[in-house]
């Protein structure tokens, strides 16, 4: 979905610009394509809920005495991904 939105935005920008001569249009199109590809490349498909929960659990770094409380709170808040992480 992210990829589609990027291309839709690029197409909308392209459509919204006034007509240019041939070379200017090619340069503009190239710049839009490059920007879209950079945006797609920057989007981390692996940055899902589980990965985020794991980073949060690592950042919290609970001590042994705090772990049980954290696990109970994660379950009570229905944060299963955090509980598993």
PDB file of N, CA and C in Angstrom:
ATOM      1  N   UNK A   1       0.831  -1.189   0.000  1.00  0.00           N
ATOM      2  CA  UNK A   1       0.000   0.000   0.000  1.00  0.00           C
ATOM      3  C   UNK A   1       0.876   1.253   0.000  1.00  0.00           C
ATOM      4  N   UNK A   2       1.970   1.202   0.765  1.00  0.00           N
ATOM      5  CA  UNK A   2       2.875   2.348   0.815  1.00  0.00           C
ATOM      6  C   UNK A   2       3.419   2.663  -0.577  1.00  0.00           C
ATOM      7  N   UNK A   3       3.806   1.628  -1.305  1.00  0.00           N
ATOM      8  CA  UNK A   3       4.353   1.836  -2.648  1.00  0.00           C
ATOM      9  C   UNK A   3       3.314   2.474  -3.569  1.00  0.00           C
ATOM     10  N   UNK A   4       2.088   2.008  -3.485  1.00  0.00           N
ATOM     11  CA  UNK A   4       1.027   2.581  -4.330  1.00  0.00           C
ATOM     12  C   UNK A   4       0.811   4.059  -4.018  1.00  0.00           C
ATOM     13  N   UNK A   5       0.782   4.378  -2.736  1.00  0.00           N
ATOM     14  CA  UNK A   5       0.559   5.775  -2.336  1.00  0.00           C
ATOM     15  C   UNK A   5       1.682   6.665  -2.869  1.00  0.00           C
ATOM     16  N   UNK A   6       2.910   6.188  -2.790  1.00  0.00           N
ATOM     17  CA  UNK A   6       4.037   6.964  -3.301  1.00  0.00           C
ATOM     18  C   UNK A   6       3.856   7.261  -4.787  1.00  0.00           C
ATOM     19  N   UNK A   7       3.505   6.246  -5.551  1.00  0.00           N
ATOM     20  CA  UNK A   7       3.344   6.461  -6.999  1.00  0.00           C
ATOM     21  C   UNK A   7       2.122   7.326  -7.295  1.00  0.00           C
ATOM     22  N   UNK A   8       1.061   7.189  -6.510  1.00  0.00           N
ATOM     23  CA  UNK A   8      -0.112   8.048  -6.708  1.00  0.00           C
ATOM     24  C   UNK A   8       0.239   9.510  -6.450  1.00  0.00           C
ATOM     25  N   UNK A   9       1.004   9.744  -5.394  1.00  0.00           N
ATOM     26  CA  UNK A   9       1.417  11.121  -5.080  1.00  0.00           C
ATOM     27  C   UNK A   9       2.296  11.669  -6.187  1.00  0.00           C
ATOM     28  N   UNK A  10       3.239  10.868  -6.666  1.00  0.00           N
ATOM     29  CA  UNK A  10       4.106  11.317  -7.761  1.00  0.00           C
ATOM     30  C   UNK A  10       3.271  11.643  -9.010  1.00  0.00           C
ATOM     31  N   UNK A  11       2.286  10.806  -9.292  1.00  0.00           N
ATOM     32  CA  UNK A  11       1.422  11.056 -10.450  1.00  0.00           C
ATOM     33  C   UNK A  11       0.588  12.320 -10.254  1.00  0.00           C
ATOM     34  N   UNK A  12       0.110  12.541  -9.040  1.00  0.00           N
ATOM     35  CA  UNK A  12      -0.677  13.747  -8.763  1.00  0.00           C
ATOM     36  C   UNK A  12       0.179  15.001  -8.909  1.00  0.00           C
ATOM     37  N   UNK A  13       1.411  14.924  -8.420  1.00  0.00           N
ATOM     38  CA  UNK A  13       2.317  16.072  -8.571  1.00  0.00           C
ATOM     39  C   UNK A  13       2.573  16.323 -10.046  1.00  0.00           C
ATOM     40  N   UNK A  14       2.833  15.266 -10.769  1.00  0.00           N
ATOM     41  CA  UNK A  14       3.118  15.377 -12.208  1.00  0.00           C
ATOM     42  C   UNK A  14       1.931  15.969 -12.944  1.00  0.00           C
ATOM     43  N   UNK A  15       0.759  15.526 -12.599  1.00  0.00           N
ATOM     44  CA  UNK A  15      -0.462  15.998 -13.256  1.00  0.00           C
ATOM     45  C   UNK A  15      -0.734  17.463 -12.933  1.00  0.00           C
ATOM     46  N   UNK A  16      -0.371  17.871 -11.718  1.00  0.00           N
ATOM     47  CA  UNK A  16      -0.646  19.227 -11.279  1.00  0.00           C
ATOM     48  C   UNK A  16       0.294  20.275 -11.847  1.00  0.00           C
ATOM     49  N   UNK A  17       1.397  19.857 -12.437  1.00  0.00           N
ATOM     50  CA  UNK A  17       2.359  20.813 -12.979  1.00  0.00           C
ATOM     51  C   UNK A  17       1.980  21.222 -14.391  1.00  0.00           C
ATOM     52  N   UNK A  18       2.314  22.449 -14.714  1.00  0.00           N
ATOM     53  CA  UNK A  18       2.000  22.956 -16.051  1.00  0.00           C
ATOM     54  C   UNK A  18       2.847  22.242 -17.087  1.00  0.00           C
ATOM     55  N   UNK A  19       2.347  22.227 -18.302  1.00  0.00           N
ATOM     56  CA  UNK A  19       3.059  21.575 -19.397  1.00  0.00           C
ATOM     57  C   UNK A  19       4.415  22.244 -19.623  1.00  0.00           C
ATOM     58  N   UNK A  20       5.421  21.427 -19.786  1.00  0.00           N
ATOM     59  CA  UNK A  20       6.780  21.901 -20.018  1.00  0.00           C
ATOM     60  C   UNK A  20       7.198  21.467 -21.418  1.00  0.00           C
ATOM     61  N   UNK A  21       8.322  22.005 -21.877  1.00  0.00           N
ATOM     62  CA  UNK A  21       8.854  21.527 -23.146  1.00  0.00           C
ATOM     63  C   UNK A  21       9.417  20.124 -22.941  1.00  0.00           C
ATOM     64  N   UNK A  22       9.816  19.458 -23.987  1.00  0.00           N
ATOM     65  CA  UNK A  22      10.232  18.055 -23.936  1.00  0.00           C
ATOM     66  C   UNK A  22      11.334  17.762 -22.941  1.00  0.00           C
ATOM     67  N   UNK A  23      12.427  18.530 -22.977  1.00  0.00           N
ATOM     68  CA  UNK A  23      13.554  18.250 -22.091  1.00  0.00           C
ATOM     69  C   UNK A  23      13.220  18.553 -20.634  1.00  0.00           C
ATOM     70  N   UNK A  24      12.530  19.654 -20.387  1.00  0.00           N
ATOM     71  CA  UNK A  24      12.132  20.003 -19.018  1.00  0.00           C
ATOM     72  C   UNK A  24      11.203  18.945 -18.444  1.00  0.00           C
ATOM     73  N   UNK A  25      10.311  18.457 -19.269  1.00  0.00           N
ATOM     74  CA  UNK A  25       9.373  17.420 -18.826  1.00  0.00           C
ATOM     75  C   UNK A  25      10.133  16.145 -18.460  1.00  0.00           C
ATOM     76  N   UNK A  26      11.124  15.784 -19.272  1.00  0.00           N
ATOM     77  CA  UNK A  26      11.915  14.585 -18.976  1.00  0.00           C
ATOM     78  C   UNK A  26      12.678  14.742 -17.660  1.00  0.00           C
ATOM     79  N   UNK A  27      13.264  15.919 -17.433  1.00  0.00           N
ATOM     80  CA  UNK A  27      13.990  16.167 -16.195  1.00  0.00           C
ATOM     81  C   UNK A  27      13.054  16.128 -14.991  1.00  0.00           C
ATOM     82  N   UNK A  28      11.885  16.713 -15.145  1.00  0.00           N
ATOM     83  CA  UNK A  28      10.886  16.704 -14.087  1.00  0.00           C
ATOM     84  C   UNK A  28      10.434  15.276 -13.783  1.00  0.00           C
ATOM     85  N   UNK A  29      10.155  14.513 -14.819  1.00  0.00           N
ATOM     86  CA  UNK A  29       9.741  13.124 -14.630  1.00  0.00           C
ATOM     87  C   UNK A  29      10.836  12.325 -13.933  1.00  0.00           C
ATOM     88  N   UNK A  30      12.081  12.533 -14.339  1.00  0.00           N
ATOM     89  CA  UNK A  30      13.202  11.825 -13.728  1.00  0.00           C
ATOM     90  C   UNK A  30      13.327  12.175 -12.242  1.00  0.00           C
ATOM     91  N   UNK A  31      13.154  13.466 -11.927  1.00  0.00           N
ATOM     92  CA  UNK A  31      13.236  13.895 -10.532  1.00  0.00           C
ATOM     93  C   UNK A  31      12.109  13.269  -9.706  1.00  0.00           C
ATOM     94  N   UNK A  32      10.904  13.203 -10.251  1.00  0.00           N
ATOM     95  CA  UNK A  32       9.785  12.588  -9.535  1.00  0.00           C
ATOM     96  C   UNK A  32      10.022  11.093  -9.319  1.00  0.00           C
ATOM     97  N   UNK A  33      10.508  10.417 -10.337  1.00  0.00           N
ATOM     98  CA  UNK A  33      10.782   8.985 -10.224  1.00  0.00           C
ATOM     99  C   UNK A  33      11.878   8.742  -9.189  1.00  0.00           C
ATOM    100  N   UNK A  34      12.952   9.538  -9.233  1.00  0.00           N
ATOM    101  CA  UNK A  34      14.032   9.386  -8.261  1.00  0.00           C
ATOM    102  C   UNK A  34      13.535   9.604  -6.834  1.00  0.00           C
ATOM    103  N   UNK A  35      12.721  10.626  -6.649  1.00  0.00           N
ATOM    104  CA  UNK A  35      12.181  10.911  -5.316  1.00  0.00           C
ATOM    105  C   UNK A  35      11.276   9.768  -4.845  1.00  0.00           C
ATOM    106  N   UNK A  36      10.448   9.251  -5.731  1.00  0.00           N
ATOM    107  CA  UNK A  36       9.565   8.145  -5.370  1.00  0.00           C
ATOM    108  C   UNK A  36      10.377   6.907  -5.005  1.00  0.00           C
ATOM    109  N   UNK A  37      11.398   6.604  -5.777  1.00  0.00           N
ATOM    110  CA  UNK A  37      12.224   5.432  -5.489  1.00  0.00           C
ATOM    111  C   UNK A  37      12.984   5.579  -4.179  1.00  0.00           C
ATOM    112  N   UNK A  38      13.456   6.797  -3.884  1.00  0.00           N
ATOM    113  CA  UNK A  38      14.133   7.026  -2.603  1.00  0.00           C
ATOM    114  C   UNK A  38      13.172   6.822  -1.443  1.00  0.00           C
ATOM    115  N   UNK A  39      11.953   7.309  -1.600  1.00  0.00           N
ATOM    116  CA  UNK A  39      10.959   7.156  -0.538  1.00  0.00           C
ATOM    117  C   UNK A  39      10.616   5.686  -0.316  1.00  0.00           C
ATOM    118  N   UNK A  40      10.480   4.951  -1.389  1.00  0.00           N
ATOM    119  CA  UNK A  40      10.179   3.523  -1.280  1.00  0.00           C
ATOM    120  C   UNK A  40      11.348   2.793  -0.628  1.00  0.00           C
ATOM    121  N   UNK A  41      12.562   3.126  -1.009  1.00  0.00           N
ATOM    122  CA  UNK A  41      13.746   2.473  -0.434  1.00  0.00           C
ATOM    123  C   UNK A  41      13.888   2.793   1.048  1.00  0.00           C
ATOM    124  N   UNK A  42      13.484   3.992   1.454  1.00  0.00           N
ATOM    125  CA  UNK A  42      13.619   4.390   2.851  1.00  0.00           C
ATOM    126  C   UNK A  42      12.578   3.719   3.747  1.00  0.00           C
ATOM    127  N   UNK A  43      11.499   3.254   3.142  1.00  0.00           N
ATOM    128  CA  UNK A  43      10.433   2.609   3.910  1.00  0.00           C
ATOM    129  C   UNK A  43      10.871   1.206   4.291  1.00  0.00           C
ATOM    130  N   UNK A  44      10.936   0.933   5.571  1.00  0.00           N
ATOM    131  CA  UNK A  44      11.400  -0.355   6.069  1.00  0.00           C
ATOM    132  C   UNK A  44      10.216  -1.301   6.200  1.00  0.00           C
ATOM    133  N   UNK A  45      10.128  -2.251   5.286  1.00  0.00           N
ATOM    134  CA  UNK A  45       9.037  -3.231   5.335  1.00  0.00           C
ATOM    135  C   UNK A  45       9.111  -4.099   6.586  1.00  0.00           C
ATOM    136  N   UNK A  46      10.299  -4.255   7.152  1.00  0.00           N
ATOM    137  CA  UNK A  46      10.457  -5.089   8.336  1.00  0.00           C
ATOM    138  C   UNK A  46      10.074  -4.365   9.619  1.00  0.00           C
ATOM    139  N   UNK A  47       9.727  -3.097   9.517  1.00  0.00           N
ATOM    140  CA  UNK A  47       9.401  -2.316  10.705  1.00  0.00           C
ATOM    141  C   UNK A  47       7.938  -2.555  11.079  1.00  0.00           C
ATOM    142  N   UNK A  48       7.677  -3.733  11.506  1.00  0.00           N
ATOM    143  CA  UNK A  48       6.332  -4.140  11.873  1.00  0.00           C
ATOM    144  C   UNK A  48       6.158  -4.048  13.386  1.00  0.00           C
ATOM    145  N   UNK A  49       4.988  -4.384  13.832  1.00  0.00           N
ATOM    146  CA  UNK A  49       4.648  -4.335  15.249  1.00  0.00           C
ATOM    147  C   UNK A  49       5.633  -5.148  16.087  1.00  0.00           C
ATOM    148  N   UNK A  50       5.950  -6.349  15.626  1.00  0.00           N
ATOM    149  CA  UNK A  50       6.826  -7.215  16.400  1.00  0.00           C
ATOM    150  C   UNK A  50       8.215  -6.598  16.561  1.00  0.00           C
ATOM    151  N   UNK A  51       8.744  -6.038  15.477  1.00  0.00           N
ATOM    152  CA  UNK A  51      10.071  -5.425  15.531  1.00  0.00           C
ATOM    153  C   UNK A  51      10.065  -4.215  16.454  1.00  0.00           C
ATOM    154  N   UNK A  52       9.000  -3.433  16.389  1.00  0.00           N
ATOM    155  CA  UNK A  52       8.877  -2.264  17.252  1.00  0.00           C
ATOM    156  C   UNK A  52       8.752  -2.681  18.713  1.00  0.00           C
ATOM    157  N   UNK A  53       7.969  -3.711  18.978  1.00  0.00           N
ATOM    158  CA  UNK A  53       7.813  -4.206  20.353  1.00  0.00           C
ATOM    159  C   UNK A  53       9.139  -4.723  20.894  1.00  0.00           C
ATOM    160  N   UNK A  54       9.904  -5.388  20.052  1.00  0.00           N
ATOM    161  CA  UNK A  54      11.206  -5.889  20.495  1.00  0.00           C
ATOM    162  C   UNK A  54      12.146  -4.746  20.841  1.00  0.00           C
ATOM    163  N   UNK A  55      12.139  -3.696  20.026  1.00  0.00           N
ATOM    164  CA  UNK A  55      12.970  -2.522  20.329  1.00  0.00           C
ATOM    165  C   UNK A  55      12.523  -1.859  21.628  1.00  0.00           C
ATOM    166  N   UNK A  56      11.206  -1.786  21.850  1.00  0.00           N
ATOM    167  CA  UNK A  56      10.692  -1.203  23.088  1.00  0.00           C
ATOM    168  C   UNK A  56      11.107  -2.037  24.302  1.00  0.00           C
ATOM    169  N   UNK A  57      10.976  -3.345  24.176  1.00  0.00           N
ATOM    170  CA  UNK A  57      11.363  -4.218  25.282  1.00  0.00           C
ATOM    171  C   UNK A  57      12.849  -4.072  25.587  1.00  0.00           C
ATOM    172  N   UNK A  58      13.652  -3.958  24.560  1.00  0.00           N
ATOM    173  CA  UNK A  58      15.097  -3.761  24.766  1.00  0.00           C
ATOM    174  C   UNK A  58      15.383  -2.413  25.410  1.00  0.00           C
ATOM    175  N   UNK A  59      14.643  -1.401  24.990  1.00  0.00           N
ATOM    176  CA  UNK A  59      14.850  -0.057  25.556  1.00  0.00           C
ATOM    177  C   UNK A  59      14.412   0.003  27.016  1.00  0.00           C
ATOM    178  N   UNK A  60      13.346  -0.708  27.360  1.00  0.00           N
ATOM    179  CA  UNK A  60      12.889  -0.722  28.747  1.00  0.00           C
ATOM    180  C   UNK A  60      13.906  -1.417  29.645  1.00  0.00           C
ATOM    181  N   UNK A  61      14.513  -2.468  29.134  1.00  0.00           N
ATOM    182  CA  UNK A  61      15.554  -3.213  29.846  1.00  0.00           C
ATOM    183  C   UNK A  61      15.208  -3.416  31.323  1.00  0.00           C
ATOM    184  N   UNK A  62      14.100  -4.118  31.580  1.00  0.00           N
ATOM    185  CA  UNK A  62      13.684  -4.266  32.980  1.00  0.00           C
ATOM    186  C   UNK A  62      14.652  -5.146  33.780  1.00  0.00           C
ATOM    187  N   UNK A  63      14.798  -4.807  35.037  1.00  0.00           N
ATOM    188  CA  UNK A  63      15.580  -5.631  35.960  1.00  0.00           C
ATOM    189  C   UNK A  63      14.747  -6.867  36.285  1.00  0.00           C
ATOM    190  N   UNK A  64      15.377  -7.862  36.826  1.00  0.00           N
ATOM    191  CA  UNK A  64      14.678  -9.119  37.135  1.00  0.00           C
ATOM    192  C   UNK A  64      13.467  -8.878  38.035  1.00  0.00           C
ATOM    193  N   UNK A  65      13.607  -7.951  38.980  1.00  0.00           N
ATOM    194  CA  UNK A  65      12.507  -7.687  39.913  1.00  0.00           C
ATOM    195  C   UNK A  65      11.349  -6.935  39.240  1.00  0.00           C
ATOM    196  N   UNK A  66      11.614  -6.276  38.136  1.00  0.00           N
ATOM    197  CA  UNK A  66      10.585  -5.502  37.427  1.00  0.00           C
ATOM    198  C   UNK A  66       9.907  -6.302  36.320  1.00  0.00           C
ATOM    199  N   UNK A  67      10.515  -7.395  35.924  1.00  0.00           N
ATOM    200  CA  UNK A  67      10.037  -8.142  34.769  1.00  0.00           C
ATOM    201  C   UNK A  67       8.622  -8.677  34.950  1.00  0.00           C
ATOM    202  N   UNK A  68       8.328  -9.255  36.090  1.00  0.00           N
ATOM    203  CA  UNK A  68       6.999  -9.816  36.330  1.00  0.00           C
ATOM    204  C   UNK A  68       5.922  -8.733  36.246  1.00  0.00           C
ATOM    205  N   UNK A  69       6.194  -7.585  36.827  1.00  0.00           N
ATOM    206  CA  UNK A  69       5.236  -6.476  36.789  1.00  0.00           C
ATOM    207  C   UNK A  69       5.012  -6.008  35.350  1.00  0.00           C
ATOM    208  N   UNK A  70       6.105  -5.886  34.600  1.00  0.00           N
ATOM    209  CA  UNK A  70       6.000  -5.465  33.203  1.00  0.00           C
ATOM    210  C   UNK A  70       5.181  -6.456  32.387  1.00  0.00           C
ATOM    211  N   UNK A  71       5.407  -7.735  32.591  1.00  0.00           N
ATOM    212  CA  UNK A  71       4.662  -8.753  31.850  1.00  0.00           C
ATOM    213  C   UNK A  71       3.170  -8.713  32.178  1.00  0.00           C
ATOM    214  N   UNK A  72       2.854  -8.560  33.455  1.00  0.00           N
ATOM    215  CA  UNK A  72       1.448  -8.487  33.864  1.00  0.00           C
ATOM    216  C   UNK A  72       0.794  -7.234  33.264  1.00  0.00           C
ATOM    217  N   UNK A  73       1.492  -6.115  33.299  1.00  0.00           N
ATOM    218  CA  UNK A  73       0.942  -4.871  32.735  1.00  0.00           C
ATOM    219  C   UNK A  73       0.773  -4.976  31.227  1.00  0.00           C
ATOM    220  N   UNK A  74       1.717  -5.615  30.550  1.00  0.00           N
ATOM    221  CA  UNK A  74       1.607  -5.787  29.103  1.00  0.00           C
ATOM    222  C   UNK A  74       0.379  -6.615  28.749  1.00  0.00           C
ATOM    223  N   UNK A  75       0.143  -7.676  29.504  1.00  0.00           N
ATOM    224  CA  UNK A  75      -1.053  -8.495  29.265  1.00  0.00           C
ATOM    225  C   UNK A  75      -2.331  -7.744  29.618  1.00  0.00           C
ATOM    226  N   UNK A  76      -2.322  -7.031  30.729  1.00  0.00           N
ATOM    227  CA  UNK A  76      -3.506  -6.270  31.139  1.00  0.00           C
ATOM    228  C   UNK A  76      -3.865  -5.202  30.113  1.00  0.00           C
ATOM    229  N   UNK A  77      -2.841  -4.628  29.472  1.00  0.00           N
ATOM    230  CA  UNK A  77      -3.062  -3.606  28.440  1.00  0.00           C
ATOM    231  C   UNK A  77      -3.293  -4.209  27.062  1.00  0.00           C
ATOM    232  N   UNK A  78      -3.369  -5.535  27.015  1.00  0.00           N
ATOM    233  CA  UNK A  78      -3.563  -6.259  25.751  1.00  0.00           C
ATOM    234  C   UNK A  78      -2.437  -5.971  24.759  1.00  0.00           C
ATOM    235  N   UNK A  79      -1.241  -5.872  25.248  1.00  0.00           N
ATOM    236  CA  UNK A  79      -0.042  -5.629  24.422  1.00  0.00           C
ATOM    237  C   UNK A  79       0.703  -6.959  24.281  1.00  0.00           C
ATOM    238  N   UNK A  80       0.101  -7.868  23.540  1.00  0.00           N
ATOM    239  CA  UNK A  80       0.654  -9.212  23.405  1.00  0.00           C
ATOM    240  C   UNK A  80       2.045  -9.187  22.756  1.00  0.00           C
ATOM    241  N   UNK A  81       2.239  -8.322  21.774  1.00  0.00           N
ATOM    242  CA  UNK A  81       3.553  -8.245  21.112  1.00  0.00           C
ATOM    243  C   UNK A  81       4.638  -7.823  22.104  1.00  0.00           C
ATOM    244  N   UNK A  82       4.309  -6.870  22.975  1.00  0.00           N
ATOM    245  CA  UNK A  82       5.274  -6.450  23.991  1.00  0.00           C
ATOM    246  C   UNK A  82       5.524  -7.581  24.989  1.00  0.00           C
ATOM    247  N   UNK A  83       4.483  -8.281  25.376  1.00  0.00           N
ATOM    248  CA  UNK A  83       4.629  -9.409  26.290  1.00  0.00           C
ATOM    249  C   UNK A  83       5.558 -10.468  25.707  1.00  0.00           C
ATOM    250  N   UNK A  84       5.359 -10.799  24.437  1.00  0.00           N
ATOM    251  CA  UNK A  84       6.188 -11.808  23.787  1.00  0.00           C
ATOM    252  C   UNK A  84       7.626 -11.324  23.627  1.00  0.00           C
ATOM    253  N   UNK A  85       7.784 -10.049  23.274  1.00  0.00           N
ATOM    254  CA  UNK A  85       9.137  -9.481  23.102  1.00  0.00           C
ATOM    255  C   UNK A  85       9.879  -9.518  24.406  1.00  0.00           C
TER     256      UNK A  85
END
